[in-house]
Amino acid sequence: SEQPLSTANLISRLRSCDVTAVGPALLSYL
């Protein structure tokens, strides 16, 4: 819920949690 929630700061915050993070993954379309 903390802002801003950029990809970089989210990954940094998750390091202290008991989780497994996959990403960031880029979604592209043709």
mmCIF file of all heavy atoms, coordinates in Angstrom:
data_MODEL
# 
_entry.id   MODEL 
# 
loop_
_atom_site.group_PDB 
_atom_site.id 
_atom_site.type_symbol 
_atom_site.label_atom_id 
_atom_site.label_alt_id 
_atom_site.label_comp_id 
_atom_site.label_asym_id 
_atom_site.label_entity_id 
_atom_site.label_seq_id 
_atom_site.pdbx_PDB_ins_code 
_atom_site.Cartn_x 
_atom_site.Cartn_y 
_atom_site.Cartn_z 
_atom_site.occupancy 
_atom_site.B_iso_or_equiv 
_atom_site.pdbx_formal_charge 
_atom_site.auth_seq_id 
_atom_site.auth_comp_id 
_atom_site.auth_asym_id 
_atom_site.auth_atom_id 
_atom_site.pdbx_PDB_model_num 
ATOM 1   N N   . SER A 1 1  ? 0.820  -1.216  0.000   1.00 0.00 ? 1  SER A N   1 
ATOM 2   C CA  . SER A 1 1  ? 0.000  0.000   0.000   1.00 0.00 ? 1  SER A CA  1 
ATOM 3   C C   . SER A 1 1  ? 0.851  1.262   0.000   1.00 0.00 ? 1  SER A C   1 
ATOM 4   O O   . SER A 1 1  ? 0.353  2.358   -0.254  1.00 0.00 ? 1  SER A O   1 
ATOM 5   C CB  . SER A 1 1  ? -0.927 0.007   1.222   1.00 0.00 ? 1  SER A CB  1 
ATOM 6   O OG  . SER A 1 1  ? -0.181 0.110   2.424   1.00 0.00 ? 1  SER A OG  1 
ATOM 7   N N   . GLU A 1 2  ? 2.162  1.109   0.273   1.00 0.00 ? 2  GLU A N   1 
ATOM 8   C CA  . GLU A 1 2  ? 3.051  2.261   0.298   1.00 0.00 ? 2  GLU A CA  1 
ATOM 9   C C   . GLU A 1 2  ? 3.322  2.757   -1.121  1.00 0.00 ? 2  GLU A C   1 
ATOM 10  O O   . GLU A 1 2  ? 3.488  1.972   -2.049  1.00 0.00 ? 2  GLU A O   1 
ATOM 11  C CB  . GLU A 1 2  ? 4.367  1.896   0.990   1.00 0.00 ? 2  GLU A CB  1 
ATOM 12  C CG  . GLU A 1 2  ? 4.192  1.504   2.456   1.00 0.00 ? 2  GLU A CG  1 
ATOM 13  C CD  . GLU A 1 2  ? 5.492  1.002   3.069   1.00 0.00 ? 2  GLU A CD  1 
ATOM 14  O OE1 . GLU A 1 2  ? 6.511  1.001   2.350   1.00 0.00 ? 2  GLU A OE1 1 
ATOM 15  O OE2 . GLU A 1 2  ? 5.479  0.605   4.250   1.00 0.00 ? 2  GLU A OE2 1 
ATOM 16  N N   . GLN A 1 3  ? 3.371  4.056   -1.278  1.00 0.00 ? 3  GLN A N   1 
ATOM 17  C CA  . GLN A 1 3  ? 3.612  4.630   -2.593  1.00 0.00 ? 3  GLN A CA  1 
ATOM 18  C C   . GLN A 1 3  ? 4.877  5.478   -2.563  1.00 0.00 ? 3  GLN A C   1 
ATOM 19  O O   . GLN A 1 3  ? 5.269  5.970   -1.514  1.00 0.00 ? 3  GLN A O   1 
ATOM 20  C CB  . GLN A 1 3  ? 2.418  5.477   -3.027  1.00 0.00 ? 3  GLN A CB  1 
ATOM 21  C CG  . GLN A 1 3  ? 1.134  4.675   -3.155  1.00 0.00 ? 3  GLN A CG  1 
ATOM 22  C CD  . GLN A 1 3  ? 0.007  5.497   -3.753  1.00 0.00 ? 3  GLN A CD  1 
ATOM 23  O OE1 . GLN A 1 3  ? 0.186  6.172   -4.764  1.00 0.00 ? 3  GLN A OE1 1 
ATOM 24  N NE2 . GLN A 1 3  ? -1.153 5.441   -3.127  1.00 0.00 ? 3  GLN A NE2 1 
ATOM 25  N N   . PRO A 1 4  ? 5.548  5.657   -3.718  1.00 0.00 ? 4  PRO A N   1 
ATOM 26  C CA  . PRO A 1 4  ? 5.223  5.080   -5.026  1.00 0.00 ? 4  PRO A CA  1 
ATOM 27  C C   . PRO A 1 4  ? 5.611  3.606   -5.096  1.00 0.00 ? 4  PRO A C   1 
ATOM 28  O O   . PRO A 1 4  ? 6.469  3.155   -4.346  1.00 0.00 ? 4  PRO A O   1 
ATOM 29  C CB  . PRO A 1 4  ? 6.081  5.904   -5.987  1.00 0.00 ? 4  PRO A CB  1 
ATOM 30  C CG  . PRO A 1 4  ? 7.272  6.281   -5.163  1.00 0.00 ? 4  PRO A CG  1 
ATOM 31  C CD  . PRO A 1 4  ? 6.740  6.521   -3.779  1.00 0.00 ? 4  PRO A CD  1 
ATOM 32  N N   . LEU A 1 5  ? 4.946  2.864   -5.979  1.00 0.00 ? 5  LEU A N   1 
ATOM 33  C CA  . LEU A 1 5  ? 5.174  1.430   -6.091  1.00 0.00 ? 5  LEU A CA  1 
ATOM 34  C C   . LEU A 1 5  ? 5.821  1.122   -7.442  1.00 0.00 ? 5  LEU A C   1 
ATOM 35  O O   . LEU A 1 5  ? 5.219  0.506   -8.305  1.00 0.00 ? 5  LEU A O   1 
ATOM 36  C CB  . LEU A 1 5  ? 3.858  0.663   -5.948  1.00 0.00 ? 5  LEU A CB  1 
ATOM 37  C CG  . LEU A 1 5  ? 3.989  -0.841  -5.727  1.00 0.00 ? 5  LEU A CG  1 
ATOM 38  C CD1 . LEU A 1 5  ? 4.655  -1.120  -4.388  1.00 0.00 ? 5  LEU A CD1 1 
ATOM 39  C CD2 . LEU A 1 5  ? 2.640  -1.523  -5.798  1.00 0.00 ? 5  LEU A CD2 1 
ATOM 40  N N   . SER A 1 6  ? 7.034  1.578   -7.629  1.00 0.00 ? 6  SER A N   1 
ATOM 41  C CA  . SER A 1 6  ? 7.751  1.264   -8.854  1.00 0.00 ? 6  SER A CA  1 
ATOM 42  C C   . SER A 1 6  ? 8.276  -0.158  -8.782  1.00 0.00 ? 6  SER A C   1 
ATOM 43  O O   . SER A 1 6  ? 8.370  -0.754  -7.705  1.00 0.00 ? 6  SER A O   1 
ATOM 44  C CB  . SER A 1 6  ? 8.928  2.232   -9.055  1.00 0.00 ? 6  SER A CB  1 
ATOM 45  O OG  . SER A 1 6  ? 9.927  1.994   -8.079  1.00 0.00 ? 6  SER A OG  1 
ATOM 46  N N   . THR A 1 7  ? 8.622  -0.720  -9.946  1.00 0.00 ? 7  THR A N   1 
ATOM 47  C CA  . THR A 1 7  ? 9.157  -2.084  -9.981  1.00 0.00 ? 7  THR A CA  1 
ATOM 48  C C   . THR A 1 7  ? 10.400 -2.208  -9.110  1.00 0.00 ? 7  THR A C   1 
ATOM 49  O O   . THR A 1 7  ? 10.549 -3.152  -8.341  1.00 0.00 ? 7  THR A O   1 
ATOM 50  C CB  . THR A 1 7  ? 9.502  -2.465  -11.430 1.00 0.00 ? 7  THR A CB  1 
ATOM 51  O OG1 . THR A 1 7  ? 8.310  -2.449  -12.215 1.00 0.00 ? 7  THR A OG1 1 
ATOM 52  C CG2 . THR A 1 7  ? 10.109 -3.847  -11.497 1.00 0.00 ? 7  THR A CG2 1 
ATOM 53  N N   . ALA A 1 8  ? 11.280 -1.235  -9.208  1.00 0.00 ? 8  ALA A N   1 
ATOM 54  C CA  . ALA A 1 8  ? 12.544 -1.300  -8.473  1.00 0.00 ? 8  ALA A CA  1 
ATOM 55  C C   . ALA A 1 8  ? 12.330 -1.272  -6.967  1.00 0.00 ? 8  ALA A C   1 
ATOM 56  O O   . ALA A 1 8  ? 12.889 -2.096  -6.233  1.00 0.00 ? 8  ALA A O   1 
ATOM 57  C CB  . ALA A 1 8  ? 13.449 -0.150  -8.898  1.00 0.00 ? 8  ALA A CB  1 
ATOM 58  N N   . ASN A 1 9  ? 11.503 -0.345  -6.468  1.00 0.00 ? 9  ASN A N   1 
ATOM 59  C CA  . ASN A 1 9  ? 11.359 -0.272  -5.012  1.00 0.00 ? 9  ASN A CA  1 
ATOM 60  C C   . ASN A 1 9  ? 10.507 -1.407  -4.463  1.00 0.00 ? 9  ASN A C   1 
ATOM 61  O O   . ASN A 1 9  ? 10.651 -1.794  -3.309  1.00 0.00 ? 9  ASN A O   1 
ATOM 62  C CB  . ASN A 1 9  ? 10.859 1.103   -4.544  1.00 0.00 ? 9  ASN A CB  1 
ATOM 63  C CG  . ASN A 1 9  ? 9.449  1.427   -4.994  1.00 0.00 ? 9  ASN A CG  1 
ATOM 64  O OD1 . ASN A 1 9  ? 8.595  0.565   -5.102  1.00 0.00 ? 9  ASN A OD1 1 
ATOM 65  N ND2 . ASN A 1 9  ? 9.197  2.704   -5.262  1.00 0.00 ? 9  ASN A ND2 1 
ATOM 66  N N   . LEU A 1 10 ? 9.633  -1.983  -5.303  1.00 0.00 ? 10 LEU A N   1 
ATOM 67  C CA  . LEU A 1 10 ? 8.863  -3.137  -4.847  1.00 0.00 ? 10 LEU A CA  1 
ATOM 68  C C   . LEU A 1 10 ? 9.780  -4.333  -4.615  1.00 0.00 ? 10 LEU A C   1 
ATOM 69  O O   . LEU A 1 10 ? 9.705  -4.995  -3.578  1.00 0.00 ? 10 LEU A O   1 
ATOM 70  C CB  . LEU A 1 10 ? 7.786  -3.493  -5.866  1.00 0.00 ? 10 LEU A CB  1 
ATOM 71  C CG  . LEU A 1 10 ? 6.985  -4.767  -5.575  1.00 0.00 ? 10 LEU A CG  1 
ATOM 72  C CD1 . LEU A 1 10 ? 6.296  -4.670  -4.211  1.00 0.00 ? 10 LEU A CD1 1 
ATOM 73  C CD2 . LEU A 1 10 ? 5.961  -5.021  -6.665  1.00 0.00 ? 10 LEU A CD2 1 
ATOM 74  N N   . ILE A 1 11 ? 10.661 -4.608  -5.572  1.00 0.00 ? 11 ILE A N   1 
ATOM 75  C CA  . ILE A 1 11 ? 11.603 -5.713  -5.421  1.00 0.00 ? 11 ILE A CA  1 
ATOM 76  C C   . ILE A 1 11 ? 12.476 -5.500  -4.189  1.00 0.00 ? 11 ILE A C   1 
ATOM 77  O O   . ILE A 1 11 ? 12.747 -6.428  -3.421  1.00 0.00 ? 11 ILE A O   1 
ATOM 78  C CB  . ILE A 1 11 ? 12.482 -5.857  -6.683  1.00 0.00 ? 11 ILE A CB  1 
ATOM 79  C CG1 . ILE A 1 11 ? 11.633 -6.304  -7.885  1.00 0.00 ? 11 ILE A CG1 1 
ATOM 80  C CG2 . ILE A 1 11 ? 13.616 -6.842  -6.442  1.00 0.00 ? 11 ILE A CG2 1 
ATOM 81  C CD1 . ILE A 1 11 ? 11.064 -7.691  -7.757  1.00 0.00 ? 11 ILE A CD1 1 
ATOM 82  N N   . SER A 1 12 ? 12.898 -4.266  -3.967  1.00 0.00 ? 12 SER A N   1 
ATOM 83  C CA  . SER A 1 12 ? 13.732 -3.955  -2.809  1.00 0.00 ? 12 SER A CA  1 
ATOM 84  C C   . SER A 1 12 ? 12.976 -4.214  -1.504  1.00 0.00 ? 12 SER A C   1 
ATOM 85  O O   . SER A 1 12 ? 13.515 -4.798  -0.559  1.00 0.00 ? 12 SER A O   1 
ATOM 86  C CB  . SER A 1 12 ? 14.178 -2.490  -2.876  1.00 0.00 ? 12 SER A CB  1 
ATOM 87  O OG  . SER A 1 12 ? 14.928 -2.151  -1.737  1.00 0.00 ? 12 SER A OG  1 
ATOM 88  N N   . ARG A 1 13 ? 11.720 -3.816  -1.437  1.00 0.00 ? 13 ARG A N   1 
ATOM 89  C CA  . ARG A 1 13 ? 10.929 -4.011  -0.224  1.00 0.00 ? 13 ARG A CA  1 
ATOM 90  C C   . ARG A 1 13 ? 10.683 -5.485  0.069   1.00 0.00 ? 13 ARG A C   1 
ATOM 91  O O   . ARG A 1 13 ? 10.638 -5.914  1.227   1.00 0.00 ? 13 ARG A O   1 
ATOM 92  C CB  . ARG A 1 13 ? 9.577  -3.305  -0.371  1.00 0.00 ? 13 ARG A CB  1 
ATOM 93  C CG  . ARG A 1 13 ? 9.635  -1.796  -0.474  1.00 0.00 ? 13 ARG A CG  1 
ATOM 94  C CD  . ARG A 1 13 ? 8.246  -1.249  -0.751  1.00 0.00 ? 13 ARG A CD  1 
ATOM 95  N NE  . ARG A 1 13 ? 8.277  0.144   -1.175  1.00 0.00 ? 13 ARG A NE  1 
ATOM 96  C CZ  . ARG A 1 13 ? 7.197  0.810   -1.565  1.00 0.00 ? 13 ARG A CZ  1 
ATOM 97  N NH1 . ARG A 1 13 ? 6.020  0.217   -1.596  1.00 0.00 ? 13 ARG A NH1 1 
ATOM 98  N NH2 . ARG A 1 13 ? 7.298  2.069   -1.925  1.00 0.00 ? 13 ARG A NH2 1 
ATOM 99  N N   . LEU A 1 14 ? 10.554 -6.276  -0.976  1.00 0.00 ? 14 LEU A N   1 
ATOM 100 C CA  . LEU A 1 14 ? 10.199 -7.685  -0.790  1.00 0.00 ? 14 LEU A CA  1 
ATOM 101 C C   . LEU A 1 14 ? 11.339 -8.523  -0.229  1.00 0.00 ? 14 LEU A C   1 
ATOM 102 O O   . LEU A 1 14 ? 11.117 -9.644  0.229   1.00 0.00 ? 14 LEU A O   1 
ATOM 103 C CB  . LEU A 1 14 ? 9.741  -8.284  -2.125  1.00 0.00 ? 14 LEU A CB  1 
ATOM 104 C CG  . LEU A 1 14 ? 8.386  -7.824  -2.639  1.00 0.00 ? 14 LEU A CG  1 
ATOM 105 C CD1 . LEU A 1 14 ? 8.172  -8.319  -4.064  1.00 0.00 ? 14 LEU A CD1 1 
ATOM 106 C CD2 . LEU A 1 14 ? 7.265  -8.314  -1.736  1.00 0.00 ? 14 LEU A CD2 1 
ATOM 107 N N   . ARG A 1 15 ? 12.552 -7.992  -0.258  1.00 0.00 ? 15 ARG A N   1 
ATOM 108 C CA  . ARG A 1 15 ? 13.694 -8.775  0.204   1.00 0.00 ? 15 ARG A CA  1 
ATOM 109 C C   . ARG A 1 15 ? 13.578 -9.165  1.668   1.00 0.00 ? 15 ARG A C   1 
ATOM 110 O O   . ARG A 1 15 ? 14.151 -10.165 2.093   1.00 0.00 ? 15 ARG A O   1 
ATOM 111 C CB  . ARG A 1 15 ? 14.981 -7.975  -0.035  1.00 0.00 ? 15 ARG A CB  1 
ATOM 112 C CG  . ARG A 1 15 ? 15.369 -7.888  -1.514  1.00 0.00 ? 15 ARG A CG  1 
ATOM 113 C CD  . ARG A 1 15 ? 16.553 -6.982  -1.728  1.00 0.00 ? 15 ARG A CD  1 
ATOM 114 N NE  . ARG A 1 15 ? 16.859 -6.855  -3.156  1.00 0.00 ? 15 ARG A NE  1 
ATOM 115 C CZ  . ARG A 1 15 ? 17.548 -5.860  -3.685  1.00 0.00 ? 15 ARG A CZ  1 
ATOM 116 N NH1 . ARG A 1 15 ? 18.031 -4.901  -2.913  1.00 0.00 ? 15 ARG A NH1 1 
ATOM 117 N NH2 . ARG A 1 15 ? 17.778 -5.822  -4.986  1.00 0.00 ? 15 ARG A NH2 1 
ATOM 118 N N   . SER A 1 16 ? 12.852 -8.399  2.442   1.00 0.00 ? 16 SER A N   1 
ATOM 119 C CA  . SER A 1 16 ? 12.719 -8.704  3.863   1.00 0.00 ? 16 SER A CA  1 
ATOM 120 C C   . SER A 1 16 ? 11.512 -9.603  4.162   1.00 0.00 ? 16 SER A C   1 
ATOM 121 O O   . SER A 1 16 ? 11.268 -9.960  5.315   1.00 0.00 ? 16 SER A O   1 
ATOM 122 C CB  . SER A 1 16 ? 12.572 -7.402  4.661   1.00 0.00 ? 16 SER A CB  1 
ATOM 123 O OG  . SER A 1 16 ? 11.395 -6.705  4.271   1.00 0.00 ? 16 SER A OG  1 
ATOM 124 N N   . CYS A 1 17 ? 10.779 -9.994  3.142   1.00 0.00 ? 17 CYS A N   1 
ATOM 125 C CA  . CYS A 1 17 ? 9.567  -10.798 3.331   1.00 0.00 ? 17 CYS A CA  1 
ATOM 126 C C   . CYS A 1 17 ? 9.801  -12.252 2.923   1.00 0.00 ? 17 CYS A C   1 
ATOM 127 O O   . CYS A 1 17 ? 10.689 -12.558 2.128   1.00 0.00 ? 17 CYS A O   1 
ATOM 128 C CB  . CYS A 1 17 ? 8.413  -10.220 2.501   1.00 0.00 ? 17 CYS A CB  1 
ATOM 129 S SG  . CYS A 1 17 ? 8.016  -8.503  2.898   1.00 0.00 ? 17 CYS A SG  1 
ATOM 130 N N   . ASP A 1 18 ? 8.976  -13.127 3.457   1.00 0.00 ? 18 ASP A N   1 
ATOM 131 C CA  . ASP A 1 18 ? 9.084  -14.554 3.160   1.00 0.00 ? 18 ASP A CA  1 
ATOM 132 C C   . ASP A 1 18 ? 8.278  -14.872 1.905   1.00 0.00 ? 18 ASP A C   1 
ATOM 133 O O   . ASP A 1 18 ? 7.217  -15.498 1.959   1.00 0.00 ? 18 ASP A O   1 
ATOM 134 C CB  . ASP A 1 18 ? 8.577  -15.367 4.361   1.00 0.00 ? 18 ASP A CB  1 
ATOM 135 C CG  . ASP A 1 18 ? 8.857  -16.857 4.203   1.00 0.00 ? 18 ASP A CG  1 
ATOM 136 O OD1 . ASP A 1 18 ? 9.753  -17.207 3.406   1.00 0.00 ? 18 ASP A OD1 1 
ATOM 137 O OD2 . ASP A 1 18 ? 8.176  -17.664 4.872   1.00 0.00 ? 18 ASP A OD2 1 
ATOM 138 N N   . VAL A 1 19 ? 8.792  -14.418 0.767   1.00 0.00 ? 19 VAL A N   1 
ATOM 139 C CA  . VAL A 1 19 ? 8.100  -14.607 -0.509  1.00 0.00 ? 19 VAL A CA  1 
ATOM 140 C C   . VAL A 1 19 ? 9.111  -14.962 -1.591  1.00 0.00 ? 19 VAL A C   1 
ATOM 141 O O   . VAL A 1 19 ? 10.320 -14.785 -1.422  1.00 0.00 ? 19 VAL A O   1 
ATOM 142 C CB  . VAL A 1 19 ? 7.327  -13.340 -0.939  1.00 0.00 ? 19 VAL A CB  1 
ATOM 143 C CG1 . VAL A 1 19 ? 6.262  -12.968 0.076   1.00 0.00 ? 19 VAL A CG1 1 
ATOM 144 C CG2 . VAL A 1 19 ? 8.303  -12.174 -1.157  1.00 0.00 ? 19 VAL A CG2 1 
ATOM 145 N N   . THR A 1 20 ? 8.599  -15.473 -2.702  1.00 0.00 ? 20 THR A N   1 
ATOM 146 C CA  . THR A 1 20 ? 9.413  -15.704 -3.895  1.00 0.00 ? 20 THR A CA  1 
ATOM 147 C C   . THR A 1 20 ? 8.852  -14.822 -5.002  1.00 0.00 ? 20 THR A C   1 
ATOM 148 O O   . THR A 1 20 ? 7.690  -14.958 -5.384  1.00 0.00 ? 20 THR A O   1 
ATOM 149 C CB  . THR A 1 20 ? 9.359  -17.175 -4.328  1.00 0.00 ? 20 THR A CB  1 
ATOM 150 O OG1 . THR A 1 20 ? 9.867  -17.995 -3.275  1.00 0.00 ? 20 THR A OG1 1 
ATOM 151 C CG2 . THR A 1 20 ? 10.192 -17.397 -5.583  1.00 0.00 ? 20 THR A CG2 1 
ATOM 152 N N   . ALA A 1 21 ? 9.669  -13.899 -5.492  1.00 0.00 ? 21 ALA A N   1 
ATOM 153 C CA  . ALA A 1 21 ? 9.216  -12.969 -6.526  1.00 0.00 ? 21 ALA A CA  1 
ATOM 154 C C   . ALA A 1 21 ? 9.753  -13.378 -7.887  1.00 0.00 ? 21 ALA A C   1 
ATOM 155 O O   . ALA A 1 21 ? 10.937 -13.692 -8.023  1.00 0.00 ? 21 ALA A O   1 
ATOM 156 C CB  . ALA A 1 21 ? 9.670  -11.551 -6.196  1.00 0.00 ? 21 ALA A CB  1 
ATOM 157 N N   . VAL A 1 22 ? 8.883  -13.394 -8.882  1.00 0.00 ? 22 VAL A N   1 
ATOM 158 C CA  . VAL A 1 22 ? 9.269  -13.676 -10.257 1.00 0.00 ? 22 VAL A CA  1 
ATOM 159 C C   . VAL A 1 22 ? 9.014  -12.423 -11.079 1.00 0.00 ? 22 VAL A C   1 
ATOM 160 O O   . VAL A 1 22 ? 7.880  -11.975 -11.224 1.00 0.00 ? 22 VAL A O   1 
ATOM 161 C CB  . VAL A 1 22 ? 8.478  -14.860 -10.843 1.00 0.00 ? 22 VAL A CB  1 
ATOM 162 C CG1 . VAL A 1 22 ? 8.870  -15.091 -12.289 1.00 0.00 ? 22 VAL A CG1 1 
ATOM 163 C CG2 . VAL A 1 22 ? 8.713  -16.113 -10.016 1.00 0.00 ? 22 VAL A CG2 1 
ATOM 164 N N   . GLY A 1 23 ? 10.067 -11.857 -11.598 1.00 0.00 ? 23 GLY A N   1 
ATOM 165 C CA  . GLY A 1 23 ? 9.924  -10.641 -12.365 1.00 0.00 ? 23 GLY A CA  1 
ATOM 166 C C   . GLY A 1 23 ? 11.009 -9.647  -11.995 1.00 0.00 ? 23 GLY A C   1 
ATOM 167 O O   . GLY A 1 23 ? 11.901 -9.963  -11.210 1.00 0.00 ? 23 GLY A O   1 
ATOM 168 N N   . PRO A 1 24 ? 10.927 -8.469  -12.580 1.00 0.00 ? 24 PRO A N   1 
ATOM 169 C CA  . PRO A 1 24 ? 9.852  -8.024  -13.474 1.00 0.00 ? 24 PRO A CA  1 
ATOM 170 C C   . PRO A 1 24 ? 9.888  -8.733  -14.831 1.00 0.00 ? 24 PRO A C   1 
ATOM 171 O O   . PRO A 1 24 ? 10.946 -9.047  -15.346 1.00 0.00 ? 24 PRO A O   1 
ATOM 172 C CB  . PRO A 1 24 ? 10.136 -6.528  -13.637 1.00 0.00 ? 24 PRO A CB  1 
ATOM 173 C CG  . PRO A 1 24 ? 11.609 -6.401  -13.383 1.00 0.00 ? 24 PRO A CG  1 
ATOM 174 C CD  . PRO A 1 24 ? 11.938 -7.424  -12.347 1.00 0.00 ? 24 PRO A CD  1 
ATOM 175 N N   . ALA A 1 25 ? 8.681  -8.966  -15.357 1.00 0.00 ? 25 ALA A N   1 
ATOM 176 C CA  . ALA A 1 25 ? 8.522  -9.570  -16.675 1.00 0.00 ? 25 ALA A CA  1 
ATOM 177 C C   . ALA A 1 25 ? 7.871  -8.552  -17.598 1.00 0.00 ? 25 ALA A C   1 
ATOM 178 O O   . ALA A 1 25 ? 6.933  -7.853  -17.204 1.00 0.00 ? 25 ALA A O   1 
ATOM 179 C CB  . ALA A 1 25 ? 7.662  -10.824 -16.585 1.00 0.00 ? 25 ALA A CB  1 
ATOM 180 N N   . LEU A 1 26 ? 8.384  -8.456  -18.809 1.00 0.00 ? 26 LEU A N   1 
ATOM 181 C CA  . LEU A 1 26 ? 7.860  -7.498  -19.777 1.00 0.00 ? 26 LEU A CA  1 
ATOM 182 C C   . LEU A 1 26 ? 6.805  -8.162  -20.645 1.00 0.00 ? 26 LEU A C   1 
ATOM 183 O O   . LEU A 1 26 ? 7.017  -9.251  -21.180 1.00 0.00 ? 26 LEU A O   1 
ATOM 184 C CB  . LEU A 1 26 ? 8.995  -6.962  -20.650 1.00 0.00 ? 26 LEU A CB  1 
ATOM 185 C CG  . LEU A 1 26 ? 10.228 -6.399  -19.920 1.00 0.00 ? 26 LEU A CG  1 
ATOM 186 C CD1 . LEU A 1 26 ? 11.217 -5.835  -20.936 1.00 0.00 ? 26 LEU A CD1 1 
ATOM 187 C CD2 . LEU A 1 26 ? 9.833  -5.349  -18.910 1.00 0.00 ? 26 LEU A CD2 1 
ATOM 188 N N   . LEU A 1 27 ? 5.678  -7.495  -20.796 1.00 0.00 ? 27 LEU A N   1 
ATOM 189 C CA  . LEU A 1 27 ? 4.578  -7.972  -21.639 1.00 0.00 ? 27 LEU A CA  1 
ATOM 190 C C   . LEU A 1 27 ? 4.520  -7.108  -22.885 1.00 0.00 ? 27 LEU A C   1 
ATOM 191 O O   . LEU A 1 27 ? 4.360  -5.888  -22.801 1.00 0.00 ? 27 LEU A O   1 
ATOM 192 C CB  . LEU A 1 27 ? 3.254  -7.888  -20.883 1.00 0.00 ? 27 LEU A CB  1 
ATOM 193 C CG  . LEU A 1 27 ? 3.040  -8.941  -19.800 1.00 0.00 ? 27 LEU A CG  1 
ATOM 194 C CD1 . LEU A 1 27 ? 2.033  -8.454  -18.767 1.00 0.00 ? 27 LEU A CD1 1 
ATOM 195 C CD2 . LEU A 1 27 ? 2.562  -10.240 -20.429 1.00 0.00 ? 27 LEU A CD2 1 
ATOM 196 N N   . SER A 1 28 ? 4.666  -7.755  -24.046 1.00 0.00 ? 28 SER A N   1 
ATOM 197 C CA  . SER A 1 28 ? 4.676  -7.023  -25.309 1.00 0.00 ? 28 SER A CA  1 
ATOM 198 C C   . SER A 1 28 ? 3.677  -7.641  -26.280 1.00 0.00 ? 28 SER A C   1 
ATOM 199 O O   . SER A 1 28 ? 3.381  -8.837  -26.205 1.00 0.00 ? 28 SER A O   1 
ATOM 200 C CB  . SER A 1 28 ? 6.079  -7.047  -25.926 1.00 0.00 ? 28 SER A CB  1 
ATOM 201 O OG  . SER A 1 28 ? 7.036  -6.505  -25.037 1.00 0.00 ? 28 SER A OG  1 
ATOM 202 N N   . TYR A 1 29 ? 3.192  -6.805  -27.204 1.00 0.00 ? 29 TYR A N   1 
ATOM 203 C CA  . TYR A 1 29 ? 2.176  -7.249  -28.159 1.00 0.00 ? 29 TYR A CA  1 
ATOM 204 C C   . TYR A 1 29 ? 2.547  -6.804  -29.565 1.00 0.00 ? 29 TYR A C   1 
ATOM 205 O O   . TYR A 1 29 ? 3.213  -5.786  -29.754 1.00 0.00 ? 29 TYR A O   1 
ATOM 206 C CB  . TYR A 1 29 ? 0.804  -6.690  -27.763 1.00 0.00 ? 29 TYR A CB  1 
ATOM 207 C CG  . TYR A 1 29 ? 0.347  -7.212  -26.431 1.00 0.00 ? 29 TYR A CG  1 
ATOM 208 C CD1 . TYR A 1 29 ? 0.703  -6.556  -25.252 1.00 0.00 ? 29 TYR A CD1 1 
ATOM 209 C CD2 . TYR A 1 29 ? -0.396 -8.389  -26.327 1.00 0.00 ? 29 TYR A CD2 1 
ATOM 210 C CE1 . TYR A 1 29 ? 0.323  -7.047  -24.014 1.00 0.00 ? 29 TYR A CE1 1 
ATOM 211 C CE2 . TYR A 1 29 ? -0.779 -8.882  -25.086 1.00 0.00 ? 29 TYR A CE2 1 
ATOM 212 C CZ  . TYR A 1 29 ? -0.407 -8.214  -23.943 1.00 0.00 ? 29 TYR A CZ  1 
ATOM 213 O OH  . TYR A 1 29 ? -0.777 -8.713  -22.717 1.00 0.00 ? 29 TYR A OH  1 
ATOM 214 N N   . LEU A 1 30 ? 2.085  -7.572  -30.528 1.00 0.00 ? 30 LEU A N   1 
ATOM 215 C CA  . LEU A 1 30 ? 2.390  -7.300  -31.937 1.00 0.00 ? 30 LEU A CA  1 
ATOM 216 C C   . LEU A 1 30 ? 1.119  -6.842  -32.637 1.00 0.00 ? 30 LEU A C   1 
ATOM 217 O O   . LEU A 1 30 ? 0.163  -7.610  -32.782 1.00 0.00 ? 30 LEU A O   1 
ATOM 218 C CB  . LEU A 1 30 ? 2.936  -8.563  -32.602 1.00 0.00 ? 30 LEU A CB  1 
ATOM 219 C CG  . LEU A 1 30 ? 3.507  -8.405  -34.008 1.00 0.00 ? 30 LEU A CG  1 
ATOM 220 C CD1 . LEU A 1 30 ? 4.721  -7.476  -34.003 1.00 0.00 ? 30 LEU A CD1 1 
ATOM 221 C CD2 . LEU A 1 30 ? 3.894  -9.776  -34.557 1.00 0.00 ? 30 LEU A CD2 1 
# 
